[in-house]
Amino acid sequence: KGGKKILIISHGDPVFFMNVAAFG
């Protein structure tokens, strides 16, 4: 309910791949 904000702290490559995969 109300949504959830999640902060992901990581190194550059894992965050980069989450981003590019999420956008196809």
mmCIF file of all heavy atoms, coordinates in Angstrom:
data_MODEL
# 
_entry.id   MODEL 
# 
loop_
_atom_site.group_PDB 
_atom_site.id 
_atom_site.type_symbol 
_atom_site.label_atom_id 
_atom_site.label_alt_id 
_atom_site.label_comp_id 
_atom_site.label_asym_id 
_atom_site.label_entity_id 
_atom_site.label_seq_id 
_atom_site.pdbx_PDB_ins_code 
_atom_site.Cartn_x 
_atom_site.Cartn_y 
_atom_site.Cartn_z 
_atom_site.occupancy 
_atom_site.B_iso_or_equiv 
_atom_site.pdbx_formal_charge 
_atom_site.auth_seq_id 
_atom_site.auth_comp_id 
_atom_site.auth_asym_id 
_atom_site.auth_atom_id 
_atom_site.pdbx_PDB_model_num 
ATOM 1   N N   . LYS A 1 1  ? 0.847  -1.193 0.000   1.00 0.00 ? 1  LYS A N   1 
ATOM 2   C CA  . LYS A 1 1  ? 0.000  0.000  0.000   1.00 0.00 ? 1  LYS A CA  1 
ATOM 3   C C   . LYS A 1 1  ? 0.880  1.240  0.000   1.00 0.00 ? 1  LYS A C   1 
ATOM 4   O O   . LYS A 1 1  ? 1.842  1.321  0.757   1.00 0.00 ? 1  LYS A O   1 
ATOM 5   C CB  . LYS A 1 1  ? -0.901 0.018  1.226   1.00 0.00 ? 1  LYS A CB  1 
ATOM 6   C CG  . LYS A 1 1  ? -2.027 -0.965 1.144   1.00 0.00 ? 1  LYS A CG  1 
ATOM 7   C CD  . LYS A 1 1  ? -2.999 -0.769 2.267   1.00 0.00 ? 1  LYS A CD  1 
ATOM 8   C CE  . LYS A 1 1  ? -4.173 -1.706 2.090   1.00 0.00 ? 1  LYS A CE  1 
ATOM 9   N NZ  . LYS A 1 1  ? -5.154 -1.525 3.140   1.00 0.00 ? 1  LYS A NZ  1 
ATOM 10  N N   . GLY A 1 2  ? 0.527  2.176  -0.877  1.00 0.00 ? 2  GLY A N   1 
ATOM 11  C CA  . GLY A 1 2  ? 1.282  3.425  -0.949  1.00 0.00 ? 2  GLY A CA  1 
ATOM 12  C C   . GLY A 1 2  ? 2.611  3.292  -1.679  1.00 0.00 ? 2  GLY A C   1 
ATOM 13  O O   . GLY A 1 2  ? 3.372  4.241  -1.765  1.00 0.00 ? 2  GLY A O   1 
ATOM 14  N N   . GLY A 1 3  ? 2.883  2.117  -2.177  1.00 0.00 ? 3  GLY A N   1 
ATOM 15  C CA  . GLY A 1 3  ? 4.150  1.908  -2.884  1.00 0.00 ? 3  GLY A CA  1 
ATOM 16  C C   . GLY A 1 3  ? 5.313  1.802  -1.921  1.00 0.00 ? 3  GLY A C   1 
ATOM 17  O O   . GLY A 1 3  ? 5.201  2.054  -0.733  1.00 0.00 ? 3  GLY A O   1 
ATOM 18  N N   . LYS A 1 4  ? 6.416  1.426  -2.435  1.00 0.00 ? 4  LYS A N   1 
ATOM 19  C CA  . LYS A 1 4  ? 7.616  1.238  -1.636  1.00 0.00 ? 4  LYS A CA  1 
ATOM 20  C C   . LYS A 1 4  ? 8.775  1.859  -2.398  1.00 0.00 ? 4  LYS A C   1 
ATOM 21  O O   . LYS A 1 4  ? 8.927  1.665  -3.590  1.00 0.00 ? 4  LYS A O   1 
ATOM 22  C CB  . LYS A 1 4  ? 7.840  -0.253 -1.490  1.00 0.00 ? 4  LYS A CB  1 
ATOM 23  C CG  . LYS A 1 4  ? 8.511  -0.871 -0.296  1.00 0.00 ? 4  LYS A CG  1 
ATOM 24  C CD  . LYS A 1 4  ? 8.092  -0.416 1.019   1.00 0.00 ? 4  LYS A CD  1 
ATOM 25  C CE  . LYS A 1 4  ? 8.198  -1.544 2.028   1.00 0.00 ? 4  LYS A CE  1 
ATOM 26  N NZ  . LYS A 1 4  ? 8.026  -1.046 3.357   1.00 0.00 ? 4  LYS A NZ  1 
ATOM 27  N N   . LYS A 1 5  ? 9.579  2.629  -1.723  1.00 0.00 ? 5  LYS A N   1 
ATOM 28  C CA  . LYS A 1 5  ? 10.809 3.152  -2.309  1.00 0.00 ? 5  LYS A CA  1 
ATOM 29  C C   . LYS A 1 5  ? 11.956 2.315  -1.777  1.00 0.00 ? 5  LYS A C   1 
ATOM 30  O O   . LYS A 1 5  ? 12.080 2.127  -0.566  1.00 0.00 ? 5  LYS A O   1 
ATOM 31  C CB  . LYS A 1 5  ? 11.010 4.621  -1.952  1.00 0.00 ? 5  LYS A CB  1 
ATOM 32  C CG  . LYS A 1 5  ? 10.000 5.525  -2.607  1.00 0.00 ? 5  LYS A CG  1 
ATOM 33  C CD  . LYS A 1 5  ? 10.284 6.965  -2.303  1.00 0.00 ? 5  LYS A CD  1 
ATOM 34  C CE  . LYS A 1 5  ? 9.202  7.817  -2.946  1.00 0.00 ? 5  LYS A CE  1 
ATOM 35  N NZ  . LYS A 1 5  ? 9.408  9.229  -2.663  1.00 0.00 ? 5  LYS A NZ  1 
ATOM 36  N N   . ILE A 1 6  ? 12.752 1.802  -2.692  1.00 0.00 ? 6  ILE A N   1 
ATOM 37  C CA  . ILE A 1 6  ? 13.855 0.931  -2.314  1.00 0.00 ? 6  ILE A CA  1 
ATOM 38  C C   . ILE A 1 6  ? 15.146 1.556  -2.814  1.00 0.00 ? 6  ILE A C   1 
ATOM 39  O O   . ILE A 1 6  ? 15.269 1.880  -3.998  1.00 0.00 ? 6  ILE A O   1 
ATOM 40  C CB  . ILE A 1 6  ? 13.682 -0.479 -2.910  1.00 0.00 ? 6  ILE A CB  1 
ATOM 41  C CG1 . ILE A 1 6  ? 12.388 -1.095 -2.389  1.00 0.00 ? 6  ILE A CG1 1 
ATOM 42  C CG2 . ILE A 1 6  ? 14.885 -1.350 -2.585  1.00 0.00 ? 6  ILE A CG2 1 
ATOM 43  C CD1 . ILE A 1 6  ? 11.991 -2.365 -3.081  1.00 0.00 ? 6  ILE A CD1 1 
ATOM 44  N N   . LEU A 1 7  ? 16.082 1.750  -1.922  1.00 0.00 ? 7  LEU A N   1 
ATOM 45  C CA  . LEU A 1 7  ? 17.394 2.282  -2.272  1.00 0.00 ? 7  LEU A CA  1 
ATOM 46  C C   . LEU A 1 7  ? 18.340 1.109  -2.472  1.00 0.00 ? 7  LEU A C   1 
ATOM 47  O O   . LEU A 1 7  ? 18.505 0.278  -1.587  1.00 0.00 ? 7  LEU A O   1 
ATOM 48  C CB  . LEU A 1 7  ? 17.915 3.196  -1.164  1.00 0.00 ? 7  LEU A CB  1 
ATOM 49  C CG  . LEU A 1 7  ? 19.342 3.709  -1.318  1.00 0.00 ? 7  LEU A CG  1 
ATOM 50  C CD1 . LEU A 1 7  ? 19.450 4.599  -2.556  1.00 0.00 ? 7  LEU A CD1 1 
ATOM 51  C CD2 . LEU A 1 7  ? 19.768 4.456  -0.070  1.00 0.00 ? 7  LEU A CD2 1 
ATOM 52  N N   . ILE A 1 8  ? 18.934 1.033  -3.656  1.00 0.00 ? 8  ILE A N   1 
ATOM 53  C CA  . ILE A 1 8  ? 19.886 -0.028 -3.959  1.00 0.00 ? 8  ILE A CA  1 
ATOM 54  C C   . ILE A 1 8  ? 21.277 0.580  -3.958  1.00 0.00 ? 8  ILE A C   1 
ATOM 55  O O   . ILE A 1 8  ? 21.555 1.515  -4.719  1.00 0.00 ? 8  ILE A O   1 
ATOM 56  C CB  . ILE A 1 8  ? 19.582 -0.689 -5.313  1.00 0.00 ? 8  ILE A CB  1 
ATOM 57  C CG1 . ILE A 1 8  ? 18.198 -1.345 -5.262  1.00 0.00 ? 8  ILE A CG1 1 
ATOM 58  C CG2 . ILE A 1 8  ? 20.665 -1.696 -5.682  1.00 0.00 ? 8  ILE A CG2 1 
ATOM 59  C CD1 . ILE A 1 8  ? 17.712 -1.876 -6.583  1.00 0.00 ? 8  ILE A CD1 1 
ATOM 60  N N   . ILE A 1 9  ? 22.137 0.061  -3.117  1.00 0.00 ? 9  ILE A N   1 
ATOM 61  C CA  . ILE A 1 9  ? 23.518 0.518  -3.048  1.00 0.00 ? 9  ILE A CA  1 
ATOM 62  C C   . ILE A 1 9  ? 24.397 -0.626 -3.530  1.00 0.00 ? 9  ILE A C   1 
ATOM 63  O O   . ILE A 1 9  ? 24.322 -1.735 -3.019  1.00 0.00 ? 9  ILE A O   1 
ATOM 64  C CB  . ILE A 1 9  ? 23.897 0.931  -1.611  1.00 0.00 ? 9  ILE A CB  1 
ATOM 65  C CG1 . ILE A 1 9  ? 22.985 2.074  -1.164  1.00 0.00 ? 9  ILE A CG1 1 
ATOM 66  C CG2 . ILE A 1 9  ? 25.363 1.319  -1.537  1.00 0.00 ? 9  ILE A CG2 1 
ATOM 67  C CD1 . ILE A 1 9  ? 23.138 2.478  0.275   1.00 0.00 ? 9  ILE A CD1 1 
ATOM 68  N N   . SER A 1 10 ? 25.198 -0.343 -4.525  1.00 0.00 ? 10 SER A N   1 
ATOM 69  C CA  . SER A 1 10 ? 25.996 -1.391 -5.138  1.00 0.00 ? 10 SER A CA  1 
ATOM 70  C C   . SER A 1 10 ? 27.182 -0.764 -5.854  1.00 0.00 ? 10 SER A C   1 
ATOM 71  O O   . SER A 1 10 ? 27.409 0.444  -5.771  1.00 0.00 ? 10 SER A O   1 
ATOM 72  C CB  . SER A 1 10 ? 25.134 -2.177 -6.132  1.00 0.00 ? 10 SER A CB  1 
ATOM 73  O OG  . SER A 1 10 ? 25.866 -3.229 -6.706  1.00 0.00 ? 10 SER A OG  1 
ATOM 74  N N   . HIS A 1 11 ? 27.885 -1.600 -6.588  1.00 0.00 ? 11 HIS A N   1 
ATOM 75  C CA  . HIS A 1 11 ? 28.946 -1.123 -7.466  1.00 0.00 ? 11 HIS A CA  1 
ATOM 76  C C   . HIS A 1 11 ? 28.314 -0.726 -8.795  1.00 0.00 ? 11 HIS A C   1 
ATOM 77  O O   . HIS A 1 11 ? 27.158 -1.048 -9.079  1.00 0.00 ? 11 HIS A O   1 
ATOM 78  C CB  . HIS A 1 11 ? 29.994 -2.222 -7.677  1.00 0.00 ? 11 HIS A CB  1 
ATOM 79  C CG  . HIS A 1 11 ? 30.713 -2.586 -6.414  1.00 0.00 ? 11 HIS A CG  1 
ATOM 80  N ND1 . HIS A 1 11 ? 31.771 -1.863 -5.936  1.00 0.00 ? 11 HIS A ND1 1 
ATOM 81  C CD2 . HIS A 1 11 ? 30.507 -3.576 -5.533  1.00 0.00 ? 11 HIS A CD2 1 
ATOM 82  C CE1 . HIS A 1 11 ? 32.196 -2.398 -4.802  1.00 0.00 ? 11 HIS A CE1 1 
ATOM 83  N NE2 . HIS A 1 11 ? 31.437 -3.447 -4.534  1.00 0.00 ? 11 HIS A NE2 1 
ATOM 84  N N   . GLY A 1 12 ? 29.083 -0.062 -9.628  1.00 0.00 ? 12 GLY A N   1 
ATOM 85  C CA  . GLY A 1 12 ? 28.568 0.471  -10.886 1.00 0.00 ? 12 GLY A CA  1 
ATOM 86  C C   . GLY A 1 12 ? 28.015 -0.565 -11.839 1.00 0.00 ? 12 GLY A C   1 
ATOM 87  O O   . GLY A 1 12 ? 26.929 -0.386 -12.391 1.00 0.00 ? 12 GLY A O   1 
ATOM 88  N N   . ASP A 1 13 ? 28.737 -1.658 -12.070 1.00 0.00 ? 13 ASP A N   1 
ATOM 89  C CA  . ASP A 1 13 ? 28.294 -2.633 -13.073 1.00 0.00 ? 13 ASP A CA  1 
ATOM 90  C C   . ASP A 1 13 ? 26.957 -3.291 -12.730 1.00 0.00 ? 13 ASP A C   1 
ATOM 91  O O   . ASP A 1 13 ? 26.084 -3.379 -13.595 1.00 0.00 ? 13 ASP A O   1 
ATOM 92  C CB  . ASP A 1 13 ? 29.366 -3.684 -13.336 1.00 0.00 ? 13 ASP A CB  1 
ATOM 93  C CG  . ASP A 1 13 ? 30.503 -3.152 -14.205 1.00 0.00 ? 13 ASP A CG  1 
ATOM 94  O OD1 . ASP A 1 13 ? 30.342 -2.076 -14.819 1.00 0.00 ? 13 ASP A OD1 1 
ATOM 95  O OD2 . ASP A 1 13 ? 31.545 -3.824 -14.282 1.00 0.00 ? 13 ASP A OD2 1 
ATOM 96  N N   . PRO A 1 14 ? 26.738 -3.767 -11.501 1.00 0.00 ? 14 PRO A N   1 
ATOM 97  C CA  . PRO A 1 14 ? 25.424 -4.363 -11.210 1.00 0.00 ? 14 PRO A CA  1 
ATOM 98  C C   . PRO A 1 14 ? 24.276 -3.366 -11.399 1.00 0.00 ? 14 PRO A C   1 
ATOM 99  O O   . PRO A 1 14 ? 23.234 -3.711 -11.970 1.00 0.00 ? 14 PRO A O   1 
ATOM 100 C CB  . PRO A 1 14 ? 25.530 -4.809 -9.756  1.00 0.00 ? 14 PRO A CB  1 
ATOM 101 C CG  . PRO A 1 14 ? 26.986 -5.052 -9.557  1.00 0.00 ? 14 PRO A CG  1 
ATOM 102 C CD  . PRO A 1 14 ? 27.675 -3.999 -10.376 1.00 0.00 ? 14 PRO A CD  1 
ATOM 103 N N   . VAL A 1 15 ? 24.460 -2.128 -10.965 1.00 0.00 ? 15 VAL A N   1 
ATOM 104 C CA  . VAL A 1 15 ? 23.410 -1.127 -11.129 1.00 0.00 ? 15 VAL A CA  1 
ATOM 105 C C   . VAL A 1 15 ? 23.216 -0.805 -12.614 1.00 0.00 ? 15 VAL A C   1 
ATOM 106 O O   . VAL A 1 15 ? 22.078 -0.663 -13.085 1.00 0.00 ? 15 VAL A O   1 
ATOM 107 C CB  . VAL A 1 15 ? 23.741 0.147  -10.319 1.00 0.00 ? 15 VAL A CB  1 
ATOM 108 C CG1 . VAL A 1 15 ? 22.768 1.271  -10.639 1.00 0.00 ? 15 VAL A CG1 1 
ATOM 109 C CG2 . VAL A 1 15 ? 23.731 -0.154 -8.832  1.00 0.00 ? 15 VAL A CG2 1 
ATOM 110 N N   . PHE A 1 16 ? 24.306 -0.718 -13.359 1.00 0.00 ? 16 PHE A N   1 
ATOM 111 C CA  . PHE A 1 16 ? 24.227 -0.486 -14.796 1.00 0.00 ? 16 PHE A CA  1 
ATOM 112 C C   . PHE A 1 16 ? 23.396 -1.576 -15.462 1.00 0.00 ? 16 PHE A C   1 
ATOM 113 O O   . PHE A 1 16 ? 22.494 -1.296 -16.255 1.00 0.00 ? 16 PHE A O   1 
ATOM 114 C CB  . PHE A 1 16 ? 25.634 -0.442 -15.401 1.00 0.00 ? 16 PHE A CB  1 
ATOM 115 C CG  . PHE A 1 16 ? 25.644 -0.396 -16.904 1.00 0.00 ? 16 PHE A CG  1 
ATOM 116 C CD1 . PHE A 1 16 ? 25.384 0.777  -17.578 1.00 0.00 ? 16 PHE A CD1 1 
ATOM 117 C CD2 . PHE A 1 16 ? 25.894 -1.550 -17.634 1.00 0.00 ? 16 PHE A CD2 1 
ATOM 118 C CE1 . PHE A 1 16 ? 25.385 0.821  -18.967 1.00 0.00 ? 16 PHE A CE1 1 
ATOM 119 C CE2 . PHE A 1 16 ? 25.912 -1.526 -19.017 1.00 0.00 ? 16 PHE A CE2 1 
ATOM 120 C CZ  . PHE A 1 16 ? 25.651 -0.334 -19.688 1.00 0.00 ? 16 PHE A CZ  1 
ATOM 121 N N   . PHE A 1 17 ? 23.664 -2.842 -15.130 1.00 0.00 ? 17 PHE A N   1 
ATOM 122 C CA  . PHE A 1 17 ? 22.944 -3.942 -15.765 1.00 0.00 ? 17 PHE A CA  1 
ATOM 123 C C   . PHE A 1 17 ? 21.494 -4.021 -15.320 1.00 0.00 ? 17 PHE A C   1 
ATOM 124 O O   . PHE A 1 17 ? 20.634 -4.418 -16.106 1.00 0.00 ? 17 PHE A O   1 
ATOM 125 C CB  . PHE A 1 17 ? 23.669 -5.263 -15.550 1.00 0.00 ? 17 PHE A CB  1 
ATOM 126 C CG  . PHE A 1 17 ? 24.817 -5.438 -16.490 1.00 0.00 ? 17 PHE A CG  1 
ATOM 127 C CD1 . PHE A 1 17 ? 26.119 -5.450 -16.035 1.00 0.00 ? 17 PHE A CD1 1 
ATOM 128 C CD2 . PHE A 1 17 ? 24.603 -5.552 -17.852 1.00 0.00 ? 17 PHE A CD2 1 
ATOM 129 C CE1 . PHE A 1 17 ? 27.182 -5.584 -16.910 1.00 0.00 ? 17 PHE A CE1 1 
ATOM 130 C CE2 . PHE A 1 17 ? 25.648 -5.689 -18.743 1.00 0.00 ? 17 PHE A CE2 1 
ATOM 131 C CZ  . PHE A 1 17 ? 26.943 -5.704 -18.265 1.00 0.00 ? 17 PHE A CZ  1 
ATOM 132 N N   . MET A 1 18 ? 21.193 -3.644 -14.092 1.00 0.00 ? 18 MET A N   1 
ATOM 133 C CA  . MET A 1 18 ? 19.785 -3.572 -13.687 1.00 0.00 ? 18 MET A CA  1 
ATOM 134 C C   . MET A 1 18 ? 19.057 -2.543 -14.548 1.00 0.00 ? 18 MET A C   1 
ATOM 135 O O   . MET A 1 18 ? 17.942 -2.778 -15.012 1.00 0.00 ? 18 MET A O   1 
ATOM 136 C CB  . MET A 1 18 ? 19.669 -3.169 -12.216 1.00 0.00 ? 18 MET A CB  1 
ATOM 137 C CG  . MET A 1 18 ? 20.019 -4.238 -11.241 1.00 0.00 ? 18 MET A CG  1 
ATOM 138 S SD  . MET A 1 18 ? 19.852 -3.572 -9.565  1.00 0.00 ? 18 MET A SD  1 
ATOM 139 C CE  . MET A 1 18 ? 20.541 -4.917 -8.623  1.00 0.00 ? 18 MET A CE  1 
ATOM 140 N N   . ASN A 1 19 ? 19.704 -1.415 -14.746 1.00 0.00 ? 19 ASN A N   1 
ATOM 141 C CA  . ASN A 1 19 ? 19.099 -0.329 -15.511 1.00 0.00 ? 19 ASN A CA  1 
ATOM 142 C C   . ASN A 1 19 ? 18.894 -0.709 -16.974 1.00 0.00 ? 19 ASN A C   1 
ATOM 143 O O   . ASN A 1 19 ? 17.794 -0.560 -17.514 1.00 0.00 ? 19 ASN A O   1 
ATOM 144 C CB  . ASN A 1 19 ? 19.981 0.915  -15.389 1.00 0.00 ? 19 ASN A CB  1 
ATOM 145 C CG  . ASN A 1 19 ? 19.306 2.163  -15.884 1.00 0.00 ? 19 ASN A CG  1 
ATOM 146 O OD1 . ASN A 1 19 ? 18.098 2.293  -15.840 1.00 0.00 ? 19 ASN A OD1 1 
ATOM 147 N ND2 . ASN A 1 19 ? 20.096 3.104  -16.346 1.00 0.00 ? 19 ASN A ND2 1 
ATOM 148 N N   . VAL A 1 20 ? 19.932 -1.203 -17.638 1.00 0.00 ? 20 VAL A N   1 
ATOM 149 C CA  . VAL A 1 20 ? 19.786 -1.514 -19.060 1.00 0.00 ? 20 VAL A CA  1 
ATOM 150 C C   . VAL A 1 20 ? 18.832 -2.684 -19.287 1.00 0.00 ? 20 VAL A C   1 
ATOM 151 O O   . VAL A 1 20 ? 18.073 -2.681 -20.260 1.00 0.00 ? 20 VAL A O   1 
ATOM 152 C CB  . VAL A 1 20 ? 21.146 -1.763 -19.763 1.00 0.00 ? 20 VAL A CB  1 
ATOM 153 C CG1 . VAL A 1 20 ? 22.009 -0.525 -19.728 1.00 0.00 ? 20 VAL A CG1 1 
ATOM 154 C CG2 . VAL A 1 20 ? 21.877 -2.954 -19.192 1.00 0.00 ? 20 VAL A CG2 1 
ATOM 155 N N   . ALA A 1 21 ? 18.835 -3.663 -18.398 1.00 0.00 ? 21 ALA A N   1 
ATOM 156 C CA  . ALA A 1 21 ? 17.920 -4.796 -18.559 1.00 0.00 ? 21 ALA A CA  1 
ATOM 157 C C   . ALA A 1 21 ? 16.474 -4.358 -18.324 1.00 0.00 ? 21 ALA A C   1 
ATOM 158 O O   . ALA A 1 21 ? 15.567 -4.795 -19.034 1.00 0.00 ? 21 ALA A O   1 
ATOM 159 C CB  . ALA A 1 21 ? 18.300 -5.925 -17.617 1.00 0.00 ? 21 ALA A CB  1 
ATOM 160 N N   . ALA A 1 22 ? 16.261 -3.493 -17.354 1.00 0.00 ? 22 ALA A N   1 
ATOM 161 C CA  . ALA A 1 22 ? 14.907 -3.016 -17.070 1.00 0.00 ? 22 ALA A CA  1 
ATOM 162 C C   . ALA A 1 22 ? 14.334 -2.235 -18.254 1.00 0.00 ? 22 ALA A C   1 
ATOM 163 O O   . ALA A 1 22 ? 13.129 -2.248 -18.495 1.00 0.00 ? 22 ALA A O   1 
ATOM 164 C CB  . ALA A 1 22 ? 14.913 -2.146 -15.817 1.00 0.00 ? 22 ALA A CB  1 
ATOM 165 N N   . PHE A 1 23 ? 15.203 -1.579 -19.025 1.00 0.00 ? 23 PHE A N   1 
ATOM 166 C CA  . PHE A 1 23 ? 14.753 -0.803 -20.176 1.00 0.00 ? 23 PHE A CA  1 
ATOM 167 C C   . PHE A 1 23 ? 14.900 -1.559 -21.490 1.00 0.00 ? 23 PHE A C   1 
ATOM 168 O O   . PHE A 1 23 ? 14.669 -1.007 -22.560 1.00 0.00 ? 23 PHE A O   1 
ATOM 169 C CB  . PHE A 1 23 ? 15.493 0.532  -20.247 1.00 0.00 ? 23 PHE A CB  1 
ATOM 170 C CG  . PHE A 1 23 ? 15.031 1.498  -19.195 1.00 0.00 ? 23 PHE A CG  1 
ATOM 171 C CD1 . PHE A 1 23 ? 15.768 1.686  -18.039 1.00 0.00 ? 23 PHE A CD1 1 
ATOM 172 C CD2 . PHE A 1 23 ? 13.841 2.187  -19.350 1.00 0.00 ? 23 PHE A CD2 1 
ATOM 173 C CE1 . PHE A 1 23 ? 15.336 2.560  -17.058 1.00 0.00 ? 23 PHE A CE1 1 
ATOM 174 C CE2 . PHE A 1 23 ? 13.403 3.070  -18.380 1.00 0.00 ? 23 PHE A CE2 1 
ATOM 175 C CZ  . PHE A 1 23 ? 14.144 3.261  -17.222 1.00 0.00 ? 23 PHE A CZ  1 
ATOM 176 N N   . GLY A 1 24 ? 15.319 -2.834 -21.430 1.00 0.00 ? 24 GLY A N   1 
ATOM 177 C CA  . GLY A 1 24 ? 15.381 -3.664 -22.620 1.00 0.00 ? 24 GLY A CA  1 
ATOM 178 C C   . GLY A 1 24 ? 16.520 -3.340 -23.571 1.00 0.00 ? 24 GLY A C   1 
ATOM 179 O O   . GLY A 1 24 ? 16.402 -3.578 -24.767 1.00 0.00 ? 24 GLY A O   1 
# 
